[in-house]
Amino acid sequence: MARTRRRRCSRRWGWTSTTQRSGRRGSTRSARWSIGPRPLRRSWRARPETGRAVALFDAHAHLAAPEFADDLPEVLARAQSVGLCGIVTVGETLADAERILDLADRHPLIRPAAGLYPTILDREAVEAVVAFARGHADRLVALGEVGLDRWAVKTEAEWRVQEAILTRFVALSDELDLPLNIHSRSAGRHAIALLKRCGARWVLLHAFDGKASTAGEGVAAGYYFSIPPSVVRSPQKQKLVRQLPLERLLLETDSPVLGPDPTIRNEPANIHVACRAVAELKGVSPDDVRQVTTDNARRLFPRAFA
């Protein structure tokens, strides 16, 4: 695989959510998020256009989550209607990984990944996921979600276990030639340092919550960062987008969370919110963001485009 800059934003982004539920079907809702004093351009209030030449790609979502158990086909139809060509569907457990492969058999948009959530510190669970990934490597596009979490895990002893587990997955990534889809909540600096120390080559740091200067160390190492729709309500992520090169950014939704409204279930169709926000923050067109972020996804996840 071959590897292959900042404007301030003071407008608003529009978004529309349809049939977004928490346990049951809800009413159609719409909202506008205020990022600054000037009004949103009228064209950005409209629903996303369809039929564009360049497709969108969702680099991180949880479509095996119970929130999608009742209406996944409809969710995927809406995703396709906004131009999504693929959704990296990450797992947090062995059971997730098994379900994701089953979903991928039935839904062509789903690109399966296998991983173990960083708060699970059970070595038997680690080895079970490792064995699963080895047995299904030809069907996976990534290892994830894996990483470090210093928000939920508090003790130094547990941090050491987390680091050992992530080191295991870095080695597996090299063995299977699969990119890593990394969780690094409150642990960005530690995660990037460990990944560099272990020689990780193909890395996506999803929904990075650290400083832009820390992210810059990841960019220097050749890593990518994915931006969710919650960028419209996160000054930290807005600063990240302004300061990192577009050539190192991807788009994600992290569905069912990290949507424009934290109280409403997020879904992949909201990828267009992230796209338009990145375009505004970078001072480029949404089509430019589509082109570059999808090209980046193709480089990082080549099996997702095979």
Protein backbone atom coordinates (compact mmCIF):
# COMPACT_ATOMS: atom_id res chain seq x y z
CA MET A 1 0.00 0.00 0.00
CA ALA A 2 1.32 3.44 -0.89
CA ARG A 3 0.90 6.39 1.46
CA THR A 4 0.63 9.07 -0.01
CA ARG A 5 -4.18 24.14 5.14
CA ARG A 6 -6.71 26.68 7.91
CA ARG A 7 -9.50 29.07 7.98
CA ARG A 8 -11.69 30.27 10.78
CA CYS A 9 -15.36 29.42 10.71
CA SER A 10 -18.08 31.63 12.08
CA ARG A 11 -21.20 30.34 10.35
CA ARG A 12 -23.82 27.76 11.23
CA TRP A 13 -24.40 24.32 9.85
CA GLY A 14 -27.82 22.90 9.09
CA TRP A 15 -28.76 19.28 9.47
CA THR A 16 -31.82 17.10 9.30
CA SER A 17 -32.40 13.81 11.06
CA THR A 18 -35.13 11.42 9.96
CA THR A 19 -36.58 8.50 11.87
CA GLN A 20 -33.95 8.81 14.57
CA ARG A 21 -34.97 6.90 17.64
CA SER A 22 -34.01 5.82 21.08
CA GLY A 23 -35.67 2.44 21.42
CA ARG A 24 -38.66 3.25 19.23
CA ARG A 25 -39.50 5.12 16.07
CA GLY A 26 -39.55 8.86 16.66
CA SER A 27 -40.78 11.88 14.81
CA THR A 28 -38.83 13.67 12.13
CA ARG A 29 -36.85 16.51 13.66
CA SER A 30 -34.57 19.23 12.42
CA ALA A 31 -32.25 21.67 14.13
CA ARG A 32 -29.58 24.25 13.44
CA TRP A 33 -26.33 24.42 15.37
CA SER A 34 -24.79 27.81 16.02
CA ILE A 35 -21.03 28.03 15.69
CA GLY A 36 -20.80 31.79 15.38
CA PRO A 37 -22.69 34.99 14.81
CA ARG A 38 -23.21 34.97 11.06
CA PRO A 39 -26.17 33.11 9.51
CA LEU A 40 -25.91 29.85 7.63
CA ARG A 41 -25.92 30.17 3.87
CA ARG A 42 -29.32 29.15 2.59
CA SER A 43 -27.96 26.33 0.41
CA TRP A 44 -26.52 24.64 3.49
CA ARG A 45 -29.93 24.39 5.14
CA ALA A 46 -31.15 22.09 2.38
CA ARG A 47 -31.03 18.33 2.50
CA PRO A 48 -27.78 16.87 1.13
CA GLU A 49 -27.61 16.61 -2.64
CA THR A 50 -27.53 13.19 -4.28
CA GLY A 51 -25.88 11.92 -7.43
CA ARG A 52 -22.47 13.48 -6.85
CA ALA A 53 -19.49 12.10 -8.74
CA VAL A 54 -17.41 11.54 -5.59
CA ALA A 55 -18.79 9.27 -2.89
CA LEU A 56 -18.53 9.74 0.86
CA PHE A 57 -16.95 7.18 3.18
CA ASP A 58 -17.74 6.61 6.88
CA ALA A 59 -14.53 5.49 8.58
CA HIS A 60 -16.04 4.49 11.96
CA ALA A 61 -19.54 3.40 12.97
CA HIS A 62 -21.19 0.85 15.27
CA LEU A 63 -23.93 -0.68 13.13
CA ALA A 64 -24.00 -3.87 15.21
CA ALA A 65 -25.19 -1.79 18.17
CA PRO A 66 -28.66 -2.59 19.56
CA GLU A 67 -29.82 0.92 18.59
CA PHE A 68 -29.93 -0.29 14.97
CA ALA A 69 -31.49 -3.70 15.57
CA ASP A 70 -34.96 -2.70 14.38
CA ASP A 71 -34.33 -0.57 11.29
CA LEU A 72 -30.84 -1.17 9.90
CA PRO A 73 -32.03 -1.57 6.27
CA GLU A 74 -33.73 1.84 6.44
CA VAL A 75 -30.65 3.37 8.07
CA LEU A 76 -28.45 2.03 5.27
CA ALA A 77 -30.88 3.22 2.60
CA ARG A 78 -30.63 6.75 4.00
CA ALA A 79 -26.83 6.42 4.08
CA GLN A 80 -26.77 5.42 0.43
CA SER A 81 -29.08 8.30 -0.47
CA VAL A 82 -26.51 10.87 0.72
CA GLY A 83 -23.73 9.25 -1.32
CA LEU A 84 -22.04 6.87 1.12
CA CYS A 85 -20.09 4.13 -0.63
CA GLY A 86 -18.88 2.29 2.49
CA ILE A 87 -19.08 2.22 6.28
CA VAL A 88 -16.27 0.75 8.38
CA THR A 89 -18.30 -1.04 11.03
CA VAL A 90 -16.19 -1.56 14.13
CA GLY A 91 -16.71 -4.01 16.96
CA GLU A 92 -16.14 -3.80 20.69
CA THR A 93 -16.34 -7.53 21.51
CA LEU A 94 -16.01 -10.93 19.87
CA ALA A 95 -19.81 -11.14 19.64
CA ASP A 96 -19.82 -7.82 17.80
CA ALA A 97 -17.24 -9.09 15.32
CA GLU A 98 -19.30 -12.17 14.58
CA ARG A 99 -22.44 -10.11 14.09
CA ILE A 100 -20.65 -7.60 11.87
CA LEU A 101 -19.51 -10.31 9.47
CA ASP A 102 -23.09 -11.57 9.29
CA LEU A 103 -24.34 -8.04 8.61
CA ALA A 104 -21.70 -7.53 5.92
CA ASP A 105 -22.95 -10.64 4.13
CA ARG A 106 -26.40 -9.04 3.89
CA HIS A 107 -25.57 -5.36 3.45
CA PRO A 108 -22.98 -4.35 0.82
CA LEU A 109 -22.30 -0.93 2.39
CA ILE A 110 -20.84 -2.50 5.54
CA ARG A 111 -17.06 -2.94 5.70
CA PRO A 112 -16.29 -5.22 8.65
CA ALA A 113 -13.70 -4.68 11.37
CA ALA A 114 -12.93 -6.65 14.53
CA GLY A 115 -11.66 -5.26 17.80
CA LEU A 116 -11.98 -5.04 21.57
CA TYR A 117 -13.05 -1.92 23.43
CA PRO A 118 -10.16 -0.55 25.53
CA THR A 119 -12.03 -0.79 28.82
CA ILE A 120 -12.19 -4.60 28.45
CA LEU A 121 -9.02 -5.76 30.21
CA ASP A 122 -9.59 -9.51 29.92
CA ARG A 123 -6.67 -11.29 28.25
CA GLU A 124 -8.84 -14.24 27.25
CA ALA A 125 -11.15 -11.84 25.44
CA VAL A 126 -8.10 -10.35 23.71
CA GLU A 127 -6.88 -13.72 22.48
CA ALA A 128 -10.38 -14.67 21.31
CA VAL A 129 -10.55 -11.54 19.14
CA VAL A 130 -7.00 -12.14 17.88
CA ALA A 131 -7.92 -15.69 16.86
CA PHE A 132 -11.10 -14.45 15.19
CA ALA A 133 -9.21 -11.80 13.22
CA ARG A 134 -6.64 -14.34 12.06
CA GLY A 135 -9.38 -16.71 10.99
CA HIS A 136 -11.28 -14.04 9.05
CA ALA A 137 -8.48 -11.71 7.95
CA ASP A 138 -9.47 -12.00 4.30
CA ARG A 139 -12.88 -10.49 5.10
CA LEU A 140 -11.81 -7.68 7.43
CA VAL A 141 -10.85 -4.16 6.39
CA ALA A 142 -9.43 -3.06 9.77
CA LEU A 143 -8.77 -3.93 13.40
CA GLY A 144 -10.97 -1.83 15.64
CA GLU A 145 -12.12 -0.46 17.79
CA VAL A 146 -8.95 -0.84 19.87
CA GLY A 147 -6.82 1.62 21.81
CA LEU A 148 -6.41 3.39 25.16
CA ASP A 149 -8.92 5.08 27.45
CA ARG A 150 -7.81 7.13 30.45
CA TRP A 151 -11.25 8.61 31.05
CA ALA A 152 -12.99 5.37 32.07
CA VAL A 153 -9.91 3.49 33.27
CA LYS A 154 -8.29 5.27 36.21
CA THR A 155 -5.47 3.24 37.77
CA GLU A 156 -1.90 2.97 36.60
CA ALA A 157 -2.04 -0.83 36.81
CA GLU A 158 -5.02 -0.87 34.45
CA TRP A 159 -3.27 1.55 32.11
CA ARG A 160 -0.37 -0.88 31.85
CA VAL A 161 -2.77 -3.68 30.91
CA GLN A 162 -4.40 -1.44 28.29
CA GLU A 163 -1.01 -0.64 26.81
CA ALA A 164 -0.08 -4.32 26.64
CA ILE A 165 -3.35 -5.10 24.86
CA LEU A 166 -2.88 -2.31 22.34
CA THR A 167 0.68 -3.48 21.74
CA ARG A 168 -0.77 -6.91 20.95
CA PHE A 169 -3.12 -5.42 18.39
CA VAL A 170 -0.35 -3.36 16.79
CA ALA A 171 1.60 -6.57 16.26
CA LEU A 172 -1.52 -8.22 14.83
CA SER A 173 -2.03 -5.27 12.50
CA ASP A 174 1.46 -5.79 11.11
CA GLU A 175 0.96 -9.55 10.87
CA LEU A 176 -2.35 -9.32 8.99
CA ASP A 177 -1.59 -6.09 7.09
CA LEU A 178 -4.74 -4.46 8.49
CA PRO A 179 -5.01 -0.81 9.58
CA LEU A 180 -5.80 0.10 13.17
CA ASN A 181 -8.98 2.01 14.06
CA ILE A 182 -7.95 3.66 17.32
CA HIS A 183 -9.91 4.87 20.35
CA SER A 184 -7.86 7.32 22.45
CA ARG A 185 -10.25 9.08 24.84
CA SER A 186 -8.25 11.25 27.27
CA ALA A 187 -5.20 9.30 26.11
CA GLY A 188 -4.20 10.82 22.78
CA ARG A 189 -0.61 11.61 23.68
CA HIS A 190 -0.09 8.17 25.23
CA ALA A 191 -1.72 6.37 22.30
CA ILE A 192 0.34 8.16 19.66
CA ALA A 193 3.55 7.57 21.62
CA LEU A 194 2.81 3.86 21.97
CA LEU A 195 1.84 3.48 18.31
CA LYS A 196 5.05 5.17 17.21
CA ARG A 197 7.14 3.14 19.64
CA CYS A 198 5.63 -0.11 18.35
CA GLY A 199 6.09 0.85 14.71
CA ALA A 200 2.40 1.03 13.78
CA ARG A 201 2.16 1.89 10.10
CA TRP A 202 -1.51 2.31 9.19
CA VAL A 203 -3.49 4.16 11.83
CA LEU A 204 -6.78 6.03 12.11
CA LEU A 205 -7.34 7.95 15.35
CA HIS A 206 -11.10 8.28 15.48
CA ALA A 207 -12.88 11.23 17.14
CA PHE A 208 -9.58 12.41 18.62
CA ASP A 209 -10.21 14.51 21.75
CA GLY A 210 -6.68 15.73 22.43
CA LYS A 211 -4.79 18.88 21.55
CA ALA A 212 -4.13 19.78 17.94
CA SER A 213 -0.41 19.95 18.74
CA THR A 214 -0.54 16.35 19.96
CA ALA A 215 -2.43 15.31 16.85
CA GLY A 216 0.34 16.95 14.86
CA GLU A 217 2.72 14.32 16.22
CA GLY A 218 0.42 11.70 14.74
CA VAL A 219 0.33 13.51 11.41
CA ALA A 220 4.14 13.57 11.41
CA ALA A 221 4.07 9.80 11.91
CA GLY A 222 1.75 9.38 8.91
CA TYR A 223 -1.44 8.72 10.87
CA TYR A 224 -4.96 9.80 9.92
CA PHE A 225 -7.73 11.43 11.99
CA SER A 226 -11.47 11.09 11.41
CA ILE A 227 -14.00 13.83 12.12
CA PRO A 228 -17.58 13.08 13.30
CA PRO A 229 -20.74 15.21 12.92
CA SER A 230 -20.33 16.38 16.53
CA VAL A 231 -17.68 18.76 15.17
CA VAL A 232 -20.51 21.28 14.84
CA ARG A 233 -20.77 21.50 18.64
CA SER A 234 -17.14 20.86 19.60
CA PRO A 235 -14.65 23.76 19.65
CA GLN A 236 -11.89 21.21 20.26
CA LYS A 237 -12.68 19.32 17.04
CA GLN A 238 -13.10 22.56 15.11
CA LYS A 239 -9.59 23.57 16.15
CA LEU A 240 -8.33 20.13 15.15
CA VAL A 241 -9.83 20.48 11.67
CA ARG A 242 -8.40 23.98 11.21
CA GLN A 243 -4.88 22.93 12.14
CA LEU A 244 -4.50 19.47 10.59
CA PRO A 245 -3.94 19.06 6.84
CA LEU A 246 -6.96 17.86 4.89
CA GLU A 247 -4.70 15.17 3.43
CA ARG A 248 -4.72 13.49 6.85
CA LEU A 249 -8.45 13.71 7.56
CA LEU A 250 -11.27 11.23 7.05
CA LEU A 251 -14.96 11.49 7.91
CA GLU A 252 -16.82 9.29 10.39
CA THR A 253 -20.11 9.24 12.27
CA ASP A 254 -19.38 6.94 15.24
CA SER A 255 -23.08 6.06 14.96
CA PRO A 256 -25.15 5.78 17.10
CA VAL A 257 -23.28 8.50 19.05
CA LEU A 258 -21.43 11.76 18.24
CA GLY A 259 -24.22 13.20 16.13
CA PRO A 260 -25.12 16.88 15.75
CA ASP A 261 -27.56 16.53 18.66
CA PRO A 262 -26.30 14.36 21.55
CA THR A 263 -29.87 13.51 22.55
CA ILE A 264 -30.79 11.93 19.19
CA ARG A 265 -29.45 8.71 17.75
CA ASN A 266 -26.77 9.42 15.18
CA GLU A 267 -26.64 7.49 11.92
CA PRO A 268 -24.34 7.30 8.86
CA ALA A 269 -26.53 9.62 6.76
CA ASN A 270 -25.27 12.46 8.98
CA ILE A 271 -21.85 12.08 7.37
CA HIS A 272 -22.80 15.05 5.19
CA VAL A 273 -22.87 17.23 8.34
CA ALA A 274 -19.22 16.39 9.04
CA CYS A 275 -18.34 16.94 5.38
CA ARG A 276 -19.87 20.42 5.23
CA ALA A 277 -18.40 21.40 8.57
CA VAL A 278 -14.89 20.39 7.50
CA ALA A 279 -15.36 22.29 4.24
CA GLU A 280 -16.35 25.47 6.08
CA LEU A 281 -13.52 25.19 8.58
CA LYS A 282 -10.92 24.56 5.85
CA GLY A 283 -12.31 27.17 3.45
CA VAL A 284 -12.84 24.67 0.64
CA SER A 285 -15.89 23.19 -1.07
CA PRO A 286 -17.77 20.12 0.22
CA ASP A 287 -16.83 18.41 -3.05
CA ASP A 288 -13.15 18.98 -2.26
CA VAL A 289 -13.66 17.41 1.16
CA ARG A 290 -15.44 14.44 -0.39
CA GLN A 291 -12.65 13.92 -2.89
CA VAL A 292 -9.73 14.19 -0.49
CA THR A 293 -11.24 12.29 2.45
CA THR A 294 -12.45 9.45 0.24
CA ASP A 295 -9.03 9.25 -1.41
CA ASN A 296 -7.50 9.12 2.08
CA ALA A 297 -9.90 6.32 3.03
CA ARG A 298 -8.92 4.42 -0.09
CA ARG A 299 -5.26 4.63 0.91
CA LEU A 300 -5.87 3.64 4.53
CA PHE A 301 -8.54 0.98 3.91
CA PRO A 302 -7.70 -0.48 0.47
CA ARG A 303 -9.67 -3.66 1.15
CA ALA A 304 -12.80 -1.56 1.66
CA PHE A 305 -12.58 -0.51 -1.99
CA ALA A 306 -11.55 -3.85 -3.49
